[in-house]
Amino acid sequence: MNTSCFEDLFGIEDDDEYYSDDDSSHSNASYEFTYQCPGGYGSPFTVTIPAGSTQCQNAYEYFAKVYGCNDYDNFNEANCKMCYDCGIQDYCTVCE
């Protein structure tokens, strides 16, 4: 499974257990997150942010914006946030 793909995280694969951050005793509910790319290009986009800690959900929001808007200068930073803030090891290779 290629977990660095935007589609894998936000709707193509429906595997909520894969994206959980079990280490947190406090978990927020999932929610819809809407963002628009810089420069006003295109319509706003909405993705579902999965349940998890606030820190992890913030990482998902950042990842959605970076990959959804093709902000390639920040791909590695977005991956590292998913690694460190959500504990998804597949993203850690660019962080070491």
Protein backbone atom coordinates (compact mmCIF):
# COMPACT_ATOMS: atom_id res chain seq x y z
CA MET A 1 0.00 0.00 0.00
CA ASN A 2 1.40 3.39 -0.97
CA THR A 3 0.53 5.45 2.10
CA SER A 4 2.15 8.61 0.84
CA CYS A 5 -0.69 9.14 -1.61
CA PHE A 6 -3.24 11.81 -0.82
CA GLU A 7 -6.05 9.51 -1.99
CA ASP A 8 -5.04 6.76 0.44
CA LEU A 9 -5.45 9.09 3.39
CA PHE A 10 -8.58 10.91 2.35
CA GLY A 11 -11.16 8.52 1.03
CA ILE A 12 -10.05 5.95 -1.51
CA GLU A 13 -9.18 3.35 1.13
CA ASP A 14 -11.64 3.09 4.00
CA ASP A 15 -9.37 1.61 6.65
CA ASP A 16 -9.86 3.76 9.76
CA GLU A 17 -7.82 1.39 11.96
CA TYR A 18 -4.74 2.01 9.81
CA TYR A 19 -4.88 5.75 10.44
CA SER A 20 -5.57 5.68 14.16
CA ASP A 21 -3.10 6.99 16.70
CA ASP A 22 -3.77 4.48 19.47
CA ASP A 23 -1.20 5.98 21.84
CA SER A 24 -3.45 8.90 22.75
CA SER A 25 -5.94 8.50 25.56
CA HIS A 26 -7.84 11.52 24.26
CA SER A 27 -9.33 11.22 20.81
CA ASN A 28 -11.37 13.80 18.95
CA ALA A 29 -14.15 12.77 16.57
CA SER A 30 -13.61 12.85 12.81
CA TYR A 31 -14.78 15.94 10.94
CA GLU A 32 -14.96 17.55 7.52
CA PHE A 33 -12.09 19.97 6.76
CA THR A 34 -12.41 22.51 3.95
CA TYR A 35 -9.43 24.37 2.50
CA GLN A 36 -8.63 26.40 -0.58
CA CYS A 37 -5.32 26.53 -2.39
CA PRO A 38 -3.25 29.73 -2.35
CA GLY A 39 -4.06 32.17 -5.10
CA GLY A 40 -7.72 31.17 -5.09
CA TYR A 41 -7.20 28.49 -7.75
CA GLY A 42 -10.24 26.27 -8.08
CA SER A 43 -13.08 25.64 -5.71
CA PRO A 44 -12.59 24.83 -2.03
CA PHE A 45 -11.81 21.19 -1.27
CA THR A 46 -13.30 19.16 1.57
CA VAL A 47 -11.74 16.04 3.09
CA THR A 48 -12.61 13.95 6.12
CA ILE A 49 -10.09 14.21 8.93
CA PRO A 50 -10.15 10.93 10.91
CA ALA A 51 -10.64 10.68 14.66
CA GLY A 52 -7.48 11.23 16.65
CA SER A 53 -5.54 13.61 18.85
CA THR A 54 -5.61 17.32 18.10
CA GLN A 55 -1.94 17.18 17.12
CA CYS A 56 -2.54 14.34 14.67
CA GLN A 57 -5.64 16.00 13.20
CA ASN A 58 -3.62 19.18 12.65
CA ALA A 59 -1.03 17.09 10.80
CA TYR A 60 -3.80 15.65 8.58
CA GLU A 61 -5.06 19.16 7.81
CA TYR A 62 -1.57 20.31 6.87
CA PHE A 63 -1.00 17.19 4.76
CA ALA A 64 -4.32 17.74 2.96
CA LYS A 65 -3.43 21.33 2.07
CA VAL A 66 0.13 20.55 1.02
CA TYR A 67 -0.67 17.54 -1.17
CA GLY A 68 -4.09 18.77 -2.30
CA CYS A 69 -2.57 22.02 -3.56
CA ASN A 70 0.58 20.31 -4.91
CA ASP A 71 2.82 22.39 -2.65
CA TYR A 72 5.82 20.22 -3.45
CA ASP A 73 8.25 22.37 -1.45
CA ASN A 74 6.52 21.16 1.73
CA PHE A 75 5.90 17.48 0.90
CA ASN A 76 8.67 16.25 3.24
CA GLU A 77 7.51 18.48 6.11
CA ALA A 78 3.94 17.21 5.69
CA ASN A 79 5.18 13.61 5.69
CA CYS A 80 7.22 14.21 8.85
CA LYS A 81 4.21 15.69 10.63
CA MET A 82 2.29 12.49 9.79
CA CYS A 83 5.23 10.46 11.10
CA TYR A 84 5.84 12.32 14.35
CA ASP A 85 2.34 13.61 15.18
CA CYS A 86 0.33 10.55 14.10
CA GLY A 87 2.88 7.78 14.45
CA ILE A 88 2.44 6.53 10.87
CA GLN A 89 5.83 4.96 10.24
CA ASP A 90 5.56 4.85 6.45
CA TYR A 91 6.09 8.61 6.40
CA CYS A 92 9.27 8.58 8.50
CA THR A 93 11.74 7.64 5.77
CA VAL A 94 12.09 11.26 4.61
CA CYS A 95 12.54 12.48 8.19
CA GLU A 96 15.58 10.48 9.23
